[in-house]
Amino acid sequence: VQLQAFGGGLAQAGGFLRLSCAASGIDFSNYRMGWYRQAPGKERELVASLTNRGFFNYGDNVKGRFTISTDNTKKTVTLEMNSQKVEDTAIYFCNAFQRSATRSYNYWGQGTLVTVSS
């Protein structure tokens, strides 16, 4: 299983940045895909997730600013980040999760750094 993230980098406050994650080795359409982030000295937190049934979940800090989407054909999950804030600076991790009757599957990408400057 591989989750390869793209698109991190430097952005200005109030600006836009897009992250993408390409998945391989999983039955993509049956997974909940998501993005998490971890800022220095803080715990990893949910940014956004999207289930295979179309249910969205956003962290309180990004609601109304960030949008998650998936492409089952390309096996990608994308995070569009609008109106960025300095506090959005973090390492962003792509996540794939599935729970069956007997076990759960939880995979992480390598992380991509997003830095928002004022």
N, C-alpha and C. Protein backbone atom coordinates (compact mmCIF):
# COMPACT_ATOMS: atom_id res chain seq x y z
N VAL A 1 0.85 -1.18 0.00
CA VAL A 1 0.00 0.00 0.00
C VAL A 1 0.89 1.24 0.00
N GLN A 2 0.52 2.19 -0.85
CA GLN A 2 1.29 3.43 -0.91
C GLN A 2 0.34 4.61 -1.05
N LEU A 3 0.57 5.63 -0.24
CA LEU A 3 -0.15 6.89 -0.34
C LEU A 3 0.89 7.97 -0.59
N GLN A 4 0.87 8.53 -1.79
CA GLN A 4 1.87 9.50 -2.20
C GLN A 4 1.24 10.89 -2.28
N ALA A 5 1.69 11.78 -1.43
CA ALA A 5 1.13 13.13 -1.37
C ALA A 5 1.93 14.10 -2.22
N PHE A 6 1.20 15.05 -2.81
CA PHE A 6 1.83 16.08 -3.65
C PHE A 6 1.22 17.43 -3.30
N GLY A 7 1.98 18.48 -3.54
CA GLY A 7 1.41 19.82 -3.50
C GLY A 7 1.73 20.67 -2.30
N GLY A 8 2.45 20.17 -1.35
CA GLY A 8 2.79 21.00 -0.20
C GLY A 8 3.74 22.11 -0.62
N GLY A 9 3.92 23.06 0.27
CA GLY A 9 4.83 24.16 -0.02
C GLY A 9 4.49 25.40 0.77
N LEU A 10 4.89 26.53 0.22
CA LEU A 10 4.72 27.81 0.90
C LEU A 10 3.55 28.57 0.32
N ALA A 11 2.73 29.13 1.18
CA ALA A 11 1.60 29.95 0.75
C ALA A 11 1.52 31.21 1.61
N GLN A 12 0.89 32.23 1.06
CA GLN A 12 0.66 33.47 1.80
C GLN A 12 -0.66 33.36 2.56
N ALA A 13 -0.73 34.01 3.69
CA ALA A 13 -2.00 34.07 4.42
C ALA A 13 -3.07 34.65 3.51
N GLY A 14 -4.24 34.00 3.54
CA GLY A 14 -5.32 34.41 2.66
C GLY A 14 -5.28 33.75 1.30
N GLY A 15 -4.24 32.98 1.06
CA GLY A 15 -4.05 32.37 -0.24
C GLY A 15 -4.64 30.99 -0.35
N PHE A 16 -4.24 30.31 -1.43
CA PHE A 16 -4.79 29.00 -1.80
C PHE A 16 -3.67 28.01 -2.04
N LEU A 17 -3.93 26.79 -1.64
CA LEU A 17 -3.00 25.70 -1.92
C LEU A 17 -3.80 24.42 -2.08
N ARG A 18 -3.35 23.56 -2.97
CA ARG A 18 -4.03 22.28 -3.20
C ARG A 18 -3.07 21.14 -2.92
N LEU A 19 -3.55 20.17 -2.17
CA LEU A 19 -2.81 18.94 -1.92
C LEU A 19 -3.53 17.79 -2.62
N SER A 20 -2.74 16.87 -3.15
CA SER A 20 -3.29 15.66 -3.75
C SER A 20 -2.57 14.45 -3.19
N CYS A 21 -3.26 13.35 -3.18
CA CYS A 21 -2.68 12.10 -2.69
C CYS A 21 -3.12 10.98 -3.62
N ALA A 22 -2.15 10.26 -4.14
CA ALA A 22 -2.43 9.13 -5.03
C ALA A 22 -2.26 7.84 -4.25
N ALA A 23 -3.29 7.01 -4.29
CA ALA A 23 -3.27 5.75 -3.55
C ALA A 23 -3.03 4.57 -4.49
N SER A 24 -2.32 3.59 -4.00
CA SER A 24 -2.14 2.35 -4.73
C SER A 24 -2.12 1.20 -3.73
N GLY A 25 -2.53 0.04 -4.21
CA GLY A 25 -2.51 -1.13 -3.35
C GLY A 25 -3.72 -1.32 -2.47
N ILE A 26 -4.73 -0.47 -2.63
CA ILE A 26 -5.96 -0.62 -1.87
C ILE A 26 -7.16 -0.56 -2.80
N ASP A 27 -8.27 -1.11 -2.33
CA ASP A 27 -9.52 -0.99 -3.06
C ASP A 27 -10.08 0.39 -2.73
N PHE A 28 -9.62 1.39 -3.45
CA PHE A 28 -9.82 2.79 -3.09
C PHE A 28 -11.28 3.13 -2.82
N SER A 29 -12.18 2.65 -3.63
CA SER A 29 -13.58 3.05 -3.52
C SER A 29 -14.25 2.54 -2.25
N ASN A 30 -13.59 1.65 -1.53
CA ASN A 30 -14.15 1.11 -0.29
C ASN A 30 -13.50 1.67 0.96
N TYR A 31 -12.70 2.71 0.79
CA TYR A 31 -12.01 3.31 1.92
C TYR A 31 -12.55 4.70 2.22
N ARG A 32 -12.48 5.07 3.49
CA ARG A 32 -12.65 6.46 3.89
C ARG A 32 -11.30 7.14 3.70
N MET A 33 -11.28 8.17 2.89
CA MET A 33 -10.05 8.89 2.63
C MET A 33 -10.04 10.20 3.39
N GLY A 34 -8.87 10.60 3.84
CA GLY A 34 -8.84 11.82 4.62
C GLY A 34 -7.47 12.47 4.67
N TRP A 35 -7.46 13.66 5.24
CA TRP A 35 -6.24 14.40 5.50
C TRP A 35 -6.20 14.76 6.98
N TYR A 36 -5.03 14.57 7.55
CA TYR A 36 -4.75 14.98 8.92
C TYR A 36 -3.55 15.91 8.88
N ARG A 37 -3.34 16.63 9.96
CA ARG A 37 -2.17 17.50 10.02
C ARG A 37 -1.59 17.50 11.43
N GLN A 38 -0.32 17.81 11.48
CA GLN A 38 0.36 17.90 12.76
C GLN A 38 1.28 19.10 12.75
N ALA A 39 1.00 20.05 13.61
CA ALA A 39 1.82 21.23 13.76
C ALA A 39 2.89 20.97 14.81
N PRO A 40 3.97 21.71 14.80
CA PRO A 40 5.04 21.50 15.78
C PRO A 40 4.51 21.60 17.21
N GLY A 41 4.81 20.57 18.00
CA GLY A 41 4.41 20.58 19.40
C GLY A 41 2.96 20.24 19.64
N LYS A 42 2.24 19.87 18.59
CA LYS A 42 0.83 19.56 18.75
C LYS A 42 0.54 18.14 18.28
N GLU A 43 -0.63 17.65 18.68
CA GLU A 43 -1.03 16.32 18.26
C GLU A 43 -1.59 16.35 16.84
N ARG A 44 -1.56 15.20 16.21
CA ARG A 44 -2.15 15.09 14.88
C ARG A 44 -3.66 15.28 14.99
N GLU A 45 -4.23 16.04 14.06
CA GLU A 45 -5.65 16.31 14.11
C GLU A 45 -6.28 16.10 12.74
N LEU A 46 -7.57 15.80 12.77
CA LEU A 46 -8.31 15.65 11.53
C LEU A 46 -8.45 16.99 10.83
N VAL A 47 -8.18 16.99 9.52
CA VAL A 47 -8.48 18.14 8.68
C VAL A 47 -9.80 17.91 7.95
N ALA A 48 -9.88 16.80 7.23
CA ALA A 48 -11.10 16.49 6.49
C ALA A 48 -11.09 15.03 6.09
N SER A 49 -12.26 14.44 6.00
CA SER A 49 -12.38 13.07 5.52
C SER A 49 -13.65 12.93 4.70
N LEU A 50 -13.63 11.91 3.86
CA LEU A 50 -14.76 11.65 2.97
C LEU A 50 -14.93 10.14 2.88
N THR A 51 -16.10 9.66 3.25
CA THR A 51 -16.34 8.22 3.20
C THR A 51 -16.73 7.78 1.80
N ASN A 52 -16.71 6.50 1.59
CA ASN A 52 -17.08 5.97 0.27
C ASN A 52 -18.58 6.12 0.02
N ARG A 53 -19.34 6.50 1.05
CA ARG A 53 -20.77 6.74 0.87
C ARG A 53 -21.06 8.23 0.72
N GLY A 54 -19.99 9.03 0.68
CA GLY A 54 -20.19 10.45 0.43
C GLY A 54 -20.40 11.32 1.65
N PHE A 55 -20.03 10.83 2.83
CA PHE A 55 -20.18 11.62 4.05
C PHE A 55 -18.89 12.40 4.31
N PHE A 56 -19.05 13.70 4.51
CA PHE A 56 -17.92 14.58 4.76
C PHE A 56 -17.78 14.86 6.25
N ASN A 57 -16.54 15.04 6.66
CA ASN A 57 -16.26 15.46 8.02
C ASN A 57 -15.07 16.43 7.96
N TYR A 58 -15.26 17.61 8.54
CA TYR A 58 -14.21 18.62 8.55
C TYR A 58 -13.85 19.01 9.98
N GLY A 59 -12.58 19.26 10.20
CA GLY A 59 -12.16 19.80 11.48
C GLY A 59 -12.74 21.19 11.68
N ASP A 60 -13.02 21.54 12.91
CA ASP A 60 -13.64 22.83 13.19
C ASP A 60 -12.80 24.00 12.68
N ASN A 61 -11.50 23.83 12.69
CA ASN A 61 -10.61 24.93 12.31
C ASN A 61 -10.57 25.20 10.80
N VAL A 62 -11.13 24.29 10.00
CA VAL A 62 -11.03 24.46 8.55
C VAL A 62 -12.39 24.52 7.87
N LYS A 63 -13.45 24.34 8.62
CA LYS A 63 -14.79 24.36 8.03
C LYS A 63 -15.03 25.67 7.29
N GLY A 64 -15.55 25.53 6.09
CA GLY A 64 -15.83 26.71 5.27
C GLY A 64 -14.64 27.21 4.48
N ARG A 65 -13.47 26.68 4.74
CA ARG A 65 -12.27 27.13 4.02
C ARG A 65 -11.65 26.02 3.17
N PHE A 66 -11.70 24.79 3.67
CA PHE A 66 -11.08 23.66 2.99
C PHE A 66 -12.15 22.76 2.38
N THR A 67 -11.79 22.11 1.28
CA THR A 67 -12.71 21.18 0.61
C THR A 67 -11.96 19.91 0.24
N ILE A 68 -12.54 18.78 0.60
CA ILE A 68 -11.95 17.49 0.25
C ILE A 68 -12.78 16.86 -0.86
N SER A 69 -12.09 16.16 -1.75
CA SER A 69 -12.77 15.44 -2.83
C SER A 69 -11.96 14.21 -3.19
N THR A 70 -12.63 13.26 -3.80
CA THR A 70 -11.95 12.04 -4.24
C THR A 70 -12.29 11.75 -5.69
N ASP A 71 -11.42 11.03 -6.33
CA ASP A 71 -11.62 10.56 -7.70
C ASP A 71 -11.35 9.07 -7.70
N ASN A 72 -12.42 8.28 -7.77
CA ASN A 72 -12.27 6.83 -7.68
C ASN A 72 -11.57 6.25 -8.90
N THR A 73 -11.67 6.92 -10.02
CA THR A 73 -11.01 6.43 -11.24
C THR A 73 -9.50 6.61 -11.14
N LYS A 74 -9.09 7.78 -10.67
CA LYS A 74 -7.66 8.06 -10.54
C LYS A 74 -7.09 7.61 -9.21
N LYS A 75 -7.99 7.23 -8.27
CA LYS A 75 -7.57 6.83 -6.92
C LYS A 75 -6.80 7.96 -6.24
N THR A 76 -7.39 9.12 -6.28
CA THR A 76 -6.76 10.27 -5.64
C THR A 76 -7.72 10.95 -4.68
N VAL A 77 -7.15 11.57 -3.68
CA VAL A 77 -7.92 12.41 -2.77
C VAL A 77 -7.24 13.78 -2.76
N THR A 78 -8.05 14.81 -2.88
CA THR A 78 -7.54 16.17 -3.01
C THR A 78 -8.07 17.04 -1.89
N LEU A 79 -7.22 17.92 -1.41
CA LEU A 79 -7.62 18.90 -0.40
C LEU A 79 -7.35 20.28 -0.95
N GLU A 80 -8.39 21.07 -1.12
CA GLU A 80 -8.26 22.45 -1.56
C GLU A 80 -8.36 23.35 -0.35
N MET A 81 -7.34 24.17 -0.17
CA MET A 81 -7.25 25.00 1.03
C MET A 81 -7.33 26.47 0.64
N ASN A 82 -8.45 27.08 0.97
CA ASN A 82 -8.67 28.50 0.69
C ASN A 82 -8.50 29.32 1.97
N SER A 83 -8.32 30.62 1.77
CA SER A 83 -8.24 31.56 2.90
C SER A 83 -7.30 31.04 3.99
N GLN A 84 -6.14 30.69 3.57
CA GLN A 84 -5.21 30.05 4.50
C GLN A 84 -4.79 31.00 5.60
N LYS A 85 -4.51 30.39 6.76
CA LYS A 85 -4.08 31.13 7.93
C LYS A 85 -2.70 30.63 8.37
N VAL A 86 -2.00 31.46 9.08
CA VAL A 86 -0.68 31.06 9.56
C VAL A 86 -0.77 29.78 10.38
N GLU A 87 -1.87 29.65 11.12
CA GLU A 87 -2.04 28.47 11.97
C GLU A 87 -2.35 27.20 11.18
N ASP A 88 -2.49 27.30 9.87
CA ASP A 88 -2.63 26.10 9.03
C ASP A 88 -1.27 25.46 8.75
N THR A 89 -0.22 26.12 9.16
CA THR A 89 1.12 25.57 8.97
C THR A 89 1.27 24.26 9.72
N ALA A 90 1.62 23.20 8.98
CA ALA A 90 1.72 21.87 9.57
C ALA A 90 2.22 20.89 8.52
N ILE A 91 2.52 19.71 8.97
CA ILE A 91 2.74 18.60 8.04
C ILE A 91 1.38 17.94 7.83
N TYR A 92 1.01 17.76 6.58
CA TYR A 92 -0.28 17.19 6.23
C TYR A 92 -0.08 15.74 5.77
N PHE A 93 -0.91 14.87 6.33
CA PHE A 93 -0.82 13.44 6.05
C PHE A 93 -2.08 12.95 5.37
N CYS A 94 -1.89 12.20 4.33
CA CYS A 94 -2.99 11.52 3.67
C CYS A 94 -3.30 10.23 4.43
N ASN A 95 -4.57 9.88 4.51
CA ASN A 95 -4.98 8.71 5.29
C ASN A 95 -6.03 7.90 4.54
N ALA A 96 -5.91 6.59 4.63
CA ALA A 96 -6.92 5.68 4.08
C ALA A 96 -7.35 4.74 5.20
N PHE A 97 -8.65 4.65 5.42
CA PHE A 97 -9.17 3.85 6.54
C PHE A 97 -10.35 3.01 6.09
N GLN A 98 -10.35 1.77 6.58
CA GLN A 98 -11.49 0.88 6.34
C GLN A 98 -11.66 -0.02 7.54
N ARG A 99 -12.91 -0.22 7.92
CA ARG A 99 -13.19 -1.13 9.03
C ARG A 99 -14.11 -2.23 8.53
N SER A 100 -13.68 -3.48 8.77
CA SER A 100 -14.54 -4.61 8.42
C SER A 100 -15.09 -5.21 9.71
N ALA A 101 -15.77 -6.32 9.58
CA ALA A 101 -16.36 -6.96 10.77
C ALA A 101 -15.28 -7.49 11.71
N THR A 102 -14.12 -7.81 11.16
CA THR A 102 -13.10 -8.48 11.98
C THR A 102 -11.85 -7.65 12.23
N ARG A 103 -11.61 -6.65 11.40
CA ARG A 103 -10.40 -5.85 11.60
C ARG A 103 -10.55 -4.50 10.92
N SER A 104 -9.60 -3.63 11.19
CA SER A 104 -9.56 -2.34 10.53
C SER A 104 -8.23 -2.19 9.79
N TYR A 105 -8.27 -1.35 8.75
CA TYR A 105 -7.10 -1.07 7.95
C TYR A 105 -6.87 0.43 7.98
N ASN A 106 -5.68 0.83 8.34
CA ASN A 106 -5.39 2.26 8.50
C ASN A 106 -4.01 2.55 7.94
N TYR A 107 -3.98 3.31 6.84
CA TYR A 107 -2.72 3.58 6.15
C TYR A 107 -2.45 5.08 6.12
N TRP A 108 -1.15 5.43 6.18
CA TRP A 108 -0.74 6.83 6.18
C TRP A 108 0.27 7.10 5.06
N GLY A 109 0.16 8.28 4.50
CA GLY A 109 1.18 8.74 3.59
C GLY A 109 2.36 9.31 4.36
N GLN A 110 3.36 9.76 3.63
CA GLN A 110 4.61 10.19 4.24
C GLN A 110 4.54 11.60 4.80
N GLY A 111 3.52 12.34 4.46
CA GLY A 111 3.40 13.71 4.95
C GLY A 111 4.00 14.71 4.00
N THR A 112 3.36 15.85 3.90
CA THR A 112 3.88 16.95 3.08
C THR A 112 3.73 18.25 3.88
N LEU A 113 4.77 19.06 3.84
CA LEU A 113 4.81 20.26 4.66
C LEU A 113 4.08 21.42 3.97
N VAL A 114 3.21 22.07 4.72
CA VAL A 114 2.54 23.29 4.27
C VAL A 114 2.94 24.40 5.24
N THR A 115 3.48 25.47 4.68
CA THR A 115 3.88 26.62 5.49
C THR A 115 3.13 27.85 5.00
N VAL A 116 2.40 28.49 5.89
CA VAL A 116 1.64 29.68 5.54
C VAL A 116 2.29 30.87 6.24
N SER A 117 2.69 31.85 5.44
CA SER A 117 3.36 33.02 6.00
C SER A 117 2.41 34.21 6.04
N SER A 118 2.66 35.09 6.98
CA SER A 118 1.78 36.27 7.14
C SER A 118 2.19 37.40 6.21
